[in-house]
Amino acid sequence: MEFSIRGLNFTAVLYLFTLISIFLPYAHVNALEVVDVENYVVEVTPIHVKSVPSKGIVLCERVQVSGLSRLKLGSYSNAQRVSLAPSVVIPERLHKKIHICFHKNSSLGLCECEKDNWKILQNGMWSSVISPYEDRYIDVKFVGDFTGSVTVSVELGQA
């Protein structure tokens, strides 16, 4: 049974409100930072407070590492080095509280990597070598009461 109020179809209005209520919680999601061979350095600041069972504050952020298109063979690189370094304002003693998860799963929630997939920042730097055609994601997690940023960069080269 449908009825109209001044030319408005009640079912259509109800459908519109349902869609708005479903997608409104996702309206606050920030655009994902992307690093690739053209935009080869990005700086991100973990700000999303993640509610995970922990004894302190957890901040998270995600960066997408975009590979080359296989259709554009202007480069014959066989590797892409992905690096992450904390800003100089983060004291060295806090580097062990910066965790990195490097993964391919775009449907994985922010900072929801399995416990064994998290790597701790070592010697003020993290890096990995991947195929230049791969797309990956880096989840960065700060565990503790501190803030700052990290720089993610990519460089084409030989493995």
N, C-alpha and C. Protein backbone atom coordinates (compact mmCIF):
# COMPACT_ATOMS: atom_id res chain seq x y z
N MET A 1 0.84 -1.17 0.00
CA MET A 1 0.00 0.00 0.00
C MET A 1 0.89 1.24 0.00
N GLU A 2 0.70 2.12 -0.97
CA GLU A 2 1.46 3.34 -1.08
C GLU A 2 0.52 4.53 -1.03
N PHE A 3 1.02 5.64 -0.53
CA PHE A 3 0.24 6.87 -0.59
C PHE A 3 1.19 8.02 -0.84
N SER A 4 0.65 9.09 -1.36
CA SER A 4 1.46 10.25 -1.71
C SER A 4 1.07 11.44 -0.85
N ILE A 5 2.07 12.21 -0.49
CA ILE A 5 1.84 13.46 0.23
C ILE A 5 2.37 14.55 -0.68
N ARG A 6 1.47 15.33 -1.24
CA ARG A 6 1.83 16.42 -2.15
C ARG A 6 2.78 15.95 -3.25
N GLY A 7 2.47 14.86 -3.86
CA GLY A 7 3.24 14.36 -4.99
C GLY A 7 4.45 13.52 -4.61
N LEU A 8 4.76 13.36 -3.32
CA LEU A 8 5.89 12.53 -2.89
C LEU A 8 5.41 11.11 -2.63
N ASN A 9 6.10 10.19 -3.20
CA ASN A 9 5.79 8.79 -2.98
C ASN A 9 6.41 8.40 -1.63
N PHE A 10 5.61 7.96 -0.69
CA PHE A 10 6.08 7.63 0.65
C PHE A 10 7.13 6.53 0.61
N THR A 11 6.96 5.53 -0.24
CA THR A 11 7.93 4.44 -0.35
C THR A 11 9.28 4.96 -0.81
N ALA A 12 9.30 5.87 -1.78
CA ALA A 12 10.55 6.43 -2.28
C ALA A 12 11.25 7.24 -1.20
N VAL A 13 10.50 8.02 -0.43
CA VAL A 13 11.08 8.82 0.65
C VAL A 13 11.65 7.91 1.73
N LEU A 14 10.92 6.87 2.08
CA LEU A 14 11.39 5.91 3.08
C LEU A 14 12.67 5.22 2.61
N TYR A 15 12.72 4.85 1.34
CA TYR A 15 13.90 4.22 0.76
C TYR A 15 15.10 5.17 0.83
N LEU A 16 14.88 6.45 0.50
CA LEU A 16 15.95 7.43 0.54
C LEU A 16 16.49 7.61 1.96
N PHE A 17 15.62 7.71 2.94
CA PHE A 17 16.06 7.83 4.34
C PHE A 17 16.81 6.58 4.80
N THR A 18 16.40 5.42 4.34
CA THR A 18 17.09 4.17 4.69
C THR A 18 18.52 4.19 4.13
N LEU A 19 18.67 4.60 2.87
CA LEU A 19 20.01 4.67 2.28
C LEU A 19 20.89 5.67 3.02
N ILE A 20 20.33 6.81 3.35
CA ILE A 20 21.10 7.82 4.08
C ILE A 20 21.54 7.29 5.43
N SER A 21 20.67 6.59 6.14
CA SER A 21 21.03 6.08 7.46
C SER A 21 22.07 4.97 7.38
N ILE A 22 22.08 4.24 6.27
CA ILE A 22 23.08 3.17 6.10
C ILE A 22 24.45 3.76 5.81
N PHE A 23 24.53 4.75 4.92
CA PHE A 23 25.82 5.26 4.47
C PHE A 23 26.34 6.46 5.24
N LEU A 24 25.53 7.10 6.06
CA LEU A 24 25.98 8.25 6.83
C LEU A 24 27.14 7.95 7.77
N PRO A 25 27.15 6.78 8.44
CA PRO A 25 28.31 6.51 9.32
C PRO A 25 29.64 6.46 8.58
N TYR A 26 29.62 6.21 7.26
CA TYR A 26 30.86 6.12 6.50
C TYR A 26 31.26 7.45 5.87
N ALA A 27 30.46 8.47 6.05
CA ALA A 27 30.74 9.77 5.44
C ALA A 27 31.98 10.43 6.02
N HIS A 28 32.39 10.07 7.24
CA HIS A 28 33.54 10.69 7.89
C HIS A 28 34.87 10.08 7.46
N VAL A 29 34.85 8.99 6.71
CA VAL A 29 36.08 8.29 6.34
C VAL A 29 36.96 9.20 5.49
N ASN A 30 38.20 9.35 5.90
CA ASN A 30 39.15 10.17 5.16
C ASN A 30 39.59 9.46 3.90
N ALA A 31 40.02 10.23 2.92
CA ALA A 31 40.55 9.65 1.71
C ALA A 31 41.85 8.93 2.04
N LEU A 32 42.04 7.79 1.43
CA LEU A 32 43.23 7.00 1.67
C LEU A 32 44.43 7.65 0.99
N GLU A 33 45.51 7.82 1.73
CA GLU A 33 46.74 8.35 1.14
C GLU A 33 47.32 7.28 0.22
N VAL A 34 47.80 7.71 -0.94
CA VAL A 34 48.36 6.80 -1.93
C VAL A 34 49.79 7.21 -2.23
N VAL A 35 50.67 6.22 -2.23
CA VAL A 35 52.06 6.45 -2.61
C VAL A 35 52.33 5.57 -3.83
N ASP A 36 52.97 6.15 -4.86
CA ASP A 36 53.32 5.41 -6.07
C ASP A 36 54.53 6.07 -6.71
N VAL A 37 54.90 5.65 -7.91
CA VAL A 37 56.13 6.18 -8.52
C VAL A 37 56.00 7.65 -8.91
N GLU A 38 54.78 8.15 -9.08
CA GLU A 38 54.61 9.57 -9.38
C GLU A 38 54.47 10.41 -8.11
N ASN A 39 53.83 9.88 -7.11
CA ASN A 39 53.68 10.52 -5.80
C ASN A 39 54.46 9.65 -4.82
N TYR A 40 55.78 9.72 -4.89
CA TYR A 40 56.63 8.71 -4.26
C TYR A 40 56.92 8.93 -2.78
N VAL A 41 56.43 10.02 -2.20
CA VAL A 41 56.61 10.24 -0.76
C VAL A 41 55.32 10.83 -0.21
N VAL A 42 54.82 10.22 0.86
CA VAL A 42 53.68 10.79 1.57
C VAL A 42 53.97 10.76 3.06
N GLU A 43 53.43 11.74 3.74
CA GLU A 43 53.57 11.80 5.19
C GLU A 43 52.18 11.65 5.79
N VAL A 44 52.04 10.72 6.72
CA VAL A 44 50.75 10.49 7.36
C VAL A 44 50.90 10.54 8.87
N THR A 45 49.83 10.96 9.51
CA THR A 45 49.78 11.02 10.96
C THR A 45 48.66 10.12 11.44
N PRO A 46 48.99 9.02 12.11
CA PRO A 46 47.93 8.16 12.63
C PRO A 46 47.04 8.93 13.60
N ILE A 47 45.75 8.93 13.31
CA ILE A 47 44.81 9.67 14.15
C ILE A 47 43.59 8.86 14.52
N HIS A 48 43.30 7.83 13.77
CA HIS A 48 42.11 7.05 14.06
C HIS A 48 42.33 6.26 15.35
N VAL A 49 41.57 6.57 16.36
CA VAL A 49 41.70 5.84 17.61
C VAL A 49 41.01 4.51 17.43
N LYS A 50 41.74 3.46 17.60
CA LYS A 50 41.24 2.11 17.39
C LYS A 50 40.90 1.51 18.74
N SER A 51 39.70 1.00 18.87
CA SER A 51 39.31 0.37 20.14
C SER A 51 39.65 -1.11 20.08
N VAL A 52 40.82 -1.42 20.54
CA VAL A 52 41.28 -2.80 20.64
C VAL A 52 41.64 -3.06 22.09
N PRO A 53 41.58 -4.30 22.50
CA PRO A 53 41.98 -4.59 23.88
C PRO A 53 43.47 -4.25 24.07
N SER A 54 43.74 -3.18 24.75
CA SER A 54 45.12 -2.81 25.03
C SER A 54 45.14 -1.97 26.29
N LYS A 55 46.34 -1.73 26.77
CA LYS A 55 46.49 -0.98 28.01
C LYS A 55 46.73 0.50 27.76
N GLY A 56 46.61 0.93 26.53
CA GLY A 56 46.88 2.33 26.25
C GLY A 56 46.15 2.81 25.02
N ILE A 57 46.58 3.95 24.56
CA ILE A 57 45.99 4.58 23.40
C ILE A 57 46.58 3.94 22.14
N VAL A 58 45.72 3.69 21.16
CA VAL A 58 46.17 3.13 19.89
C VAL A 58 45.69 4.04 18.77
N LEU A 59 46.62 4.53 17.96
CA LEU A 59 46.31 5.36 16.81
C LEU A 59 46.67 4.61 15.55
N CYS A 60 45.85 4.74 14.51
CA CYS A 60 46.09 3.99 13.28
C CYS A 60 45.92 4.86 12.05
N GLU A 61 46.56 4.43 10.97
CA GLU A 61 46.37 5.04 9.67
C GLU A 61 46.77 4.02 8.61
N ARG A 62 46.27 4.21 7.39
CA ARG A 62 46.56 3.29 6.28
C ARG A 62 47.05 4.09 5.08
N VAL A 63 48.04 3.52 4.39
CA VAL A 63 48.57 4.08 3.15
C VAL A 63 48.48 3.00 2.09
N GLN A 64 48.01 3.39 0.91
CA GLN A 64 47.97 2.45 -0.21
C GLN A 64 49.23 2.62 -1.04
N VAL A 65 49.88 1.50 -1.34
CA VAL A 65 51.05 1.49 -2.22
C VAL A 65 50.56 0.98 -3.57
N SER A 66 50.54 1.87 -4.57
CA SER A 66 50.04 1.50 -5.89
C SER A 66 51.19 1.13 -6.81
N GLY A 67 51.03 0.00 -7.46
CA GLY A 67 52.04 -0.46 -8.40
C GLY A 67 51.84 0.12 -9.78
N LEU A 68 52.77 -0.17 -10.66
CA LEU A 68 52.70 0.28 -12.05
C LEU A 68 51.65 -0.52 -12.81
N SER A 69 51.07 0.10 -13.81
CA SER A 69 50.16 -0.62 -14.69
C SER A 69 51.00 -1.50 -15.62
N ARG A 70 50.58 -2.72 -15.81
CA ARG A 70 51.30 -3.62 -16.73
C ARG A 70 51.14 -3.18 -18.18
N LEU A 71 50.20 -2.29 -18.42
CA LEU A 71 49.98 -1.79 -19.78
C LEU A 71 50.96 -0.67 -20.13
N LYS A 72 51.59 -0.08 -19.14
CA LYS A 72 52.55 1.00 -19.36
C LYS A 72 53.95 0.48 -19.07
N LEU A 73 54.56 -0.11 -20.06
CA LEU A 73 55.87 -0.71 -19.86
C LEU A 73 57.01 0.25 -20.20
N GLY A 74 56.93 1.47 -19.72
CA GLY A 74 57.99 2.45 -19.96
C GLY A 74 59.18 2.21 -19.07
N SER A 75 59.04 1.33 -18.09
CA SER A 75 60.12 1.05 -17.16
C SER A 75 60.33 -0.46 -17.09
N TYR A 76 61.58 -0.85 -16.95
CA TYR A 76 61.89 -2.27 -16.85
C TYR A 76 62.40 -2.63 -15.46
N SER A 77 61.95 -1.90 -14.48
CA SER A 77 62.34 -2.19 -13.11
C SER A 77 61.76 -3.54 -12.71
N ASN A 78 62.48 -4.26 -11.89
CA ASN A 78 61.95 -5.54 -11.43
C ASN A 78 61.64 -5.53 -9.95
N ALA A 79 61.73 -4.35 -9.34
CA ALA A 79 61.44 -4.27 -7.91
C ALA A 79 61.00 -2.86 -7.55
N GLN A 80 60.29 -2.80 -6.46
CA GLN A 80 59.87 -1.52 -5.89
C GLN A 80 60.17 -1.59 -4.39
N ARG A 81 60.99 -0.67 -3.91
CA ARG A 81 61.30 -0.65 -2.48
C ARG A 81 60.34 0.31 -1.79
N VAL A 82 59.68 -0.21 -0.77
CA VAL A 82 58.75 0.58 0.03
C VAL A 82 59.42 0.79 1.38
N SER A 83 59.48 2.06 1.81
CA SER A 83 60.15 2.39 3.07
C SER A 83 59.24 3.23 3.95
N LEU A 84 59.45 3.12 5.24
CA LEU A 84 58.72 3.91 6.22
C LEU A 84 59.69 4.37 7.28
N ALA A 85 59.61 5.65 7.62
CA ALA A 85 60.46 6.22 8.66
C ALA A 85 59.64 7.17 9.52
N PRO A 86 59.85 7.16 10.83
CA PRO A 86 59.12 8.09 11.70
C PRO A 86 59.70 9.49 11.58
N SER A 87 58.88 10.48 11.91
CA SER A 87 59.38 11.86 11.90
C SER A 87 60.42 12.04 13.00
N VAL A 88 61.22 13.07 12.85
CA VAL A 88 62.29 13.32 13.81
C VAL A 88 61.76 13.76 15.17
N VAL A 89 60.48 14.16 15.24
CA VAL A 89 59.92 14.59 16.52
C VAL A 89 59.55 13.40 17.42
N ILE A 90 59.54 12.20 16.84
CA ILE A 90 59.25 11.01 17.66
C ILE A 90 60.58 10.51 18.23
N PRO A 91 60.72 10.52 19.54
CA PRO A 91 61.98 10.08 20.15
C PRO A 91 62.30 8.61 19.81
N GLU A 92 63.56 8.31 19.71
CA GLU A 92 64.01 6.96 19.35
C GLU A 92 63.48 5.91 20.32
N ARG A 93 63.32 6.26 21.59
CA ARG A 93 62.83 5.30 22.58
C ARG A 93 61.39 4.86 22.29
N LEU A 94 60.65 5.64 21.49
CA LEU A 94 59.26 5.29 21.15
C LEU A 94 59.14 4.53 19.83
N HIS A 95 60.24 4.35 19.11
CA HIS A 95 60.19 3.65 17.83
C HIS A 95 59.66 2.22 17.96
N LYS A 96 59.92 1.57 19.09
CA LYS A 96 59.43 0.20 19.29
C LYS A 96 57.92 0.17 19.48
N LYS A 97 57.30 1.32 19.64
CA LYS A 97 55.84 1.39 19.79
C LYS A 97 55.15 1.72 18.46
N ILE A 98 55.93 1.73 17.38
CA ILE A 98 55.37 1.92 16.04
C ILE A 98 55.34 0.56 15.36
N HIS A 99 54.15 0.12 15.01
CA HIS A 99 53.97 -1.20 14.42
C HIS A 99 53.49 -1.04 12.98
N ILE A 100 53.95 -1.95 12.10
CA ILE A 100 53.62 -1.89 10.68
C ILE A 100 53.06 -3.23 10.24
N CYS A 101 51.97 -3.18 9.49
CA CYS A 101 51.42 -4.38 8.85
C CYS A 101 51.35 -4.09 7.36
N PHE A 102 52.06 -4.89 6.58
CA PHE A 102 52.14 -4.71 5.12
C PHE A 102 51.33 -5.84 4.51
N HIS A 103 50.22 -5.51 3.85
CA HIS A 103 49.31 -6.56 3.39
C HIS A 103 48.66 -6.21 2.05
N LYS A 104 47.93 -7.18 1.47
CA LYS A 104 47.26 -7.01 0.18
C LYS A 104 45.74 -6.94 0.32
N ASN A 105 45.22 -7.09 1.50
CA ASN A 105 43.79 -7.24 1.71
C ASN A 105 43.08 -5.90 1.88
N SER A 106 42.48 -5.39 0.80
CA SER A 106 41.81 -4.08 0.86
C SER A 106 40.53 -4.12 1.69
N SER A 107 39.98 -5.31 1.90
CA SER A 107 38.75 -5.40 2.69
C SER A 107 39.02 -5.53 4.19
N LEU A 108 40.28 -5.68 4.55
CA LEU A 108 40.65 -5.76 5.96
C LEU A 108 40.43 -4.41 6.62
N GLY A 109 39.81 -4.40 7.78
CA GLY A 109 39.57 -3.16 8.50
C GLY A 109 40.88 -2.52 8.94
N LEU A 110 40.81 -1.23 9.19
CA LEU A 110 41.99 -0.47 9.60
C LEU A 110 42.60 -1.07 10.86
N CYS A 111 43.87 -1.42 10.79
CA CYS A 111 44.64 -1.99 11.90
C CYS A 111 44.05 -3.29 12.44
N GLU A 112 43.47 -4.09 11.56
CA GLU A 112 42.92 -5.38 11.97
C GLU A 112 43.74 -6.55 11.46
N CYS A 113 45.02 -6.34 11.27
CA CYS A 113 45.91 -7.43 10.85
C CYS A 113 46.01 -8.46 11.97
N GLU A 114 46.31 -9.68 11.59
CA GLU A 114 46.56 -10.73 12.58
C GLU A 114 47.77 -10.33 13.41
N LYS A 115 47.78 -10.78 14.64
CA LYS A 115 48.86 -10.42 15.57
C LYS A 115 50.25 -10.75 15.01
N ASP A 116 50.39 -11.88 14.33
CA ASP A 116 51.69 -12.30 13.80
C ASP A 116 52.15 -11.47 12.60
N ASN A 117 51.25 -10.71 11.98
CA ASN A 117 51.61 -9.92 10.80
C ASN A 117 52.16 -8.54 11.13
N TRP A 118 52.10 -8.13 12.38
CA TRP A 118 52.62 -6.82 12.79
C TRP A 118 54.13 -6.89 12.98
N LYS A 119 54.83 -5.94 12.41
CA LYS A 119 56.28 -5.81 12.58
C LYS A 119 56.55 -4.53 13.36
N ILE A 120 57.54 -4.59 14.23
CA ILE A 120 57.92 -3.42 15.02
C ILE A 120 59.04 -2.70 14.29
N LEU A 121 58.96 -1.40 14.30
CA LEU A 121 59.98 -0.58 13.65
C LEU A 121 61.34 -0.88 14.28
N GLN A 122 62.32 -1.19 13.46
CA GLN A 122 63.66 -1.52 13.92
C GLN A 122 64.66 -0.48 13.43
N ASN A 123 65.50 0.01 14.29
CA ASN A 123 66.56 0.96 13.94
C ASN A 123 66.03 2.20 13.20
N GLY A 124 64.86 2.64 13.56
CA GLY A 124 64.31 3.87 13.00
C GLY A 124 63.85 3.78 11.56
N MET A 125 63.68 2.54 11.04
CA MET A 125 63.31 2.40 9.63
C MET A 125 62.66 1.05 9.40
N TRP A 126 61.79 0.99 8.40
CA TRP A 126 61.23 -0.28 7.93
C TRP A 126 61.21 -0.22 6.42
N SER A 127 61.52 -1.33 5.77
CA SER A 127 61.43 -1.37 4.31
C SER A 127 61.16 -2.79 3.84
N SER A 128 60.63 -2.86 2.63
CA SER A 128 60.33 -4.14 2.00
C SER A 128 60.46 -3.97 0.50
N VAL A 129 60.78 -5.05 -0.19
CA VAL A 129 60.89 -5.04 -1.64
C VAL A 129 59.76 -5.88 -2.21
N ILE A 130 59.03 -5.30 -3.18
CA ILE A 130 57.90 -6.01 -3.80
C ILE A 130 57.98 -5.84 -5.31
N SER A 131 57.13 -6.56 -6.02
CA SER A 131 57.01 -6.39 -7.46
C SER A 131 56.53 -4.97 -7.75
N PRO A 132 57.02 -4.35 -8.83
CA PRO A 132 56.58 -2.99 -9.13
C PRO A 132 55.13 -2.94 -9.62
N TYR A 133 54.51 -4.09 -9.84
CA TYR A 133 53.14 -4.14 -10.35
C TYR A 133 52.11 -4.45 -9.26
N GLU A 134 52.58 -4.65 -8.05
CA GLU A 134 51.69 -5.00 -6.93
C GLU A 134 51.05 -3.78 -6.30
N ASP A 135 49.84 -3.97 -5.82
CA ASP A 135 49.18 -2.99 -4.96
C ASP A 135 49.19 -3.58 -3.55
N ARG A 136 49.58 -2.78 -2.59
CA ARG A 136 49.63 -3.22 -1.20
C ARG A 136 49.11 -2.12 -0.30
N TYR A 137 48.98 -2.45 0.98
CA TYR A 137 48.53 -1.50 2.00
C TYR A 137 49.47 -1.59 3.19
N ILE A 138 49.75 -0.43 3.76
CA ILE A 138 50.54 -0.37 4.99
C ILE A 138 49.63 0.20 6.07
N ASP A 139 49.41 -0.60 7.11
CA ASP A 139 48.71 -0.10 8.29
C ASP A 139 49.79 0.27 9.30
N VAL A 140 49.71 1.49 9.80
CA VAL A 140 50.67 1.98 10.79
C VAL A 140 49.91 2.17 12.10
N LYS A 141 50.47 1.60 13.16
CA LYS A 141 49.81 1.66 14.46
C LYS A 141 50.78 2.23 15.48
N PHE A 142 50.35 3.27 16.20
CA PHE A 142 51.11 3.81 17.32
C PHE A 142 50.45 3.28 18.58
N VAL A 143 51.24 2.60 19.41
CA VAL A 143 50.73 2.05 20.66
C VAL A 143 51.31 2.86 21.80
N GLY A 144 50.48 3.62 22.46
CA GLY A 144 50.95 4.44 23.57
C GLY A 144 50.48 5.87 23.43
N ASP A 145 50.83 6.65 24.40
CA ASP A 145 50.37 8.03 24.47
C ASP A 145 51.38 8.96 23.82
N PHE A 146 51.47 8.93 22.49
CA PHE A 146 52.33 9.84 21.75
C PHE A 146 51.73 10.05 20.36
N THR A 147 52.13 11.12 19.73
CA THR A 147 51.68 11.40 18.38
C THR A 147 52.87 11.76 17.52
N GLY A 148 52.65 11.82 16.26
CA GLY A 148 53.70 12.15 15.31
C GLY A 148 53.29 11.65 13.95
N SER A 149 54.22 11.70 13.04
CA SER A 149 53.91 11.26 11.69
C SER A 149 54.98 10.28 11.22
N VAL A 150 54.66 9.62 10.12
CA VAL A 150 55.63 8.74 9.47
C VAL A 150 55.65 9.11 7.99
N THR A 151 56.79 8.88 7.36
CA THR A 151 56.94 9.13 5.93
C THR A 151 57.05 7.79 5.24
N VAL A 152 56.21 7.61 4.22
CA VAL A 152 56.22 6.39 3.42
C VAL A 152 56.70 6.78 2.04
N SER A 153 57.65 6.01 1.49
CA SER A 153 58.18 6.32 0.16
C SER A 153 58.35 5.05 -0.65
N VAL A 154 58.33 5.21 -1.97
CA VAL A 154 58.59 4.10 -2.88
C VAL A 154 59.68 4.51 -3.85
N GLU A 155 60.44 3.52 -4.29
CA GLU A 155 61.52 3.77 -5.23
C GLU A 155 61.63 2.57 -6.16
N LEU A 156 61.63 2.82 -7.46
CA LEU A 156 61.82 1.74 -8.42
C LEU A 156 63.30 1.43 -8.53
N GLY A 157 63.60 0.16 -8.74
CA GLY A 157 65.00 -0.23 -8.89
C GLY A 157 65.12 -1.70 -9.17
N GLN A 158 66.28 -2.21 -8.97
CA GLN A 158 66.56 -3.63 -9.16
C GLN A 158 66.52 -4.32 -7.81
N ALA A 159 66.08 -5.55 -7.78
CA ALA A 159 65.97 -6.31 -6.53
C ALA A 159 67.32 -6.64 -5.95
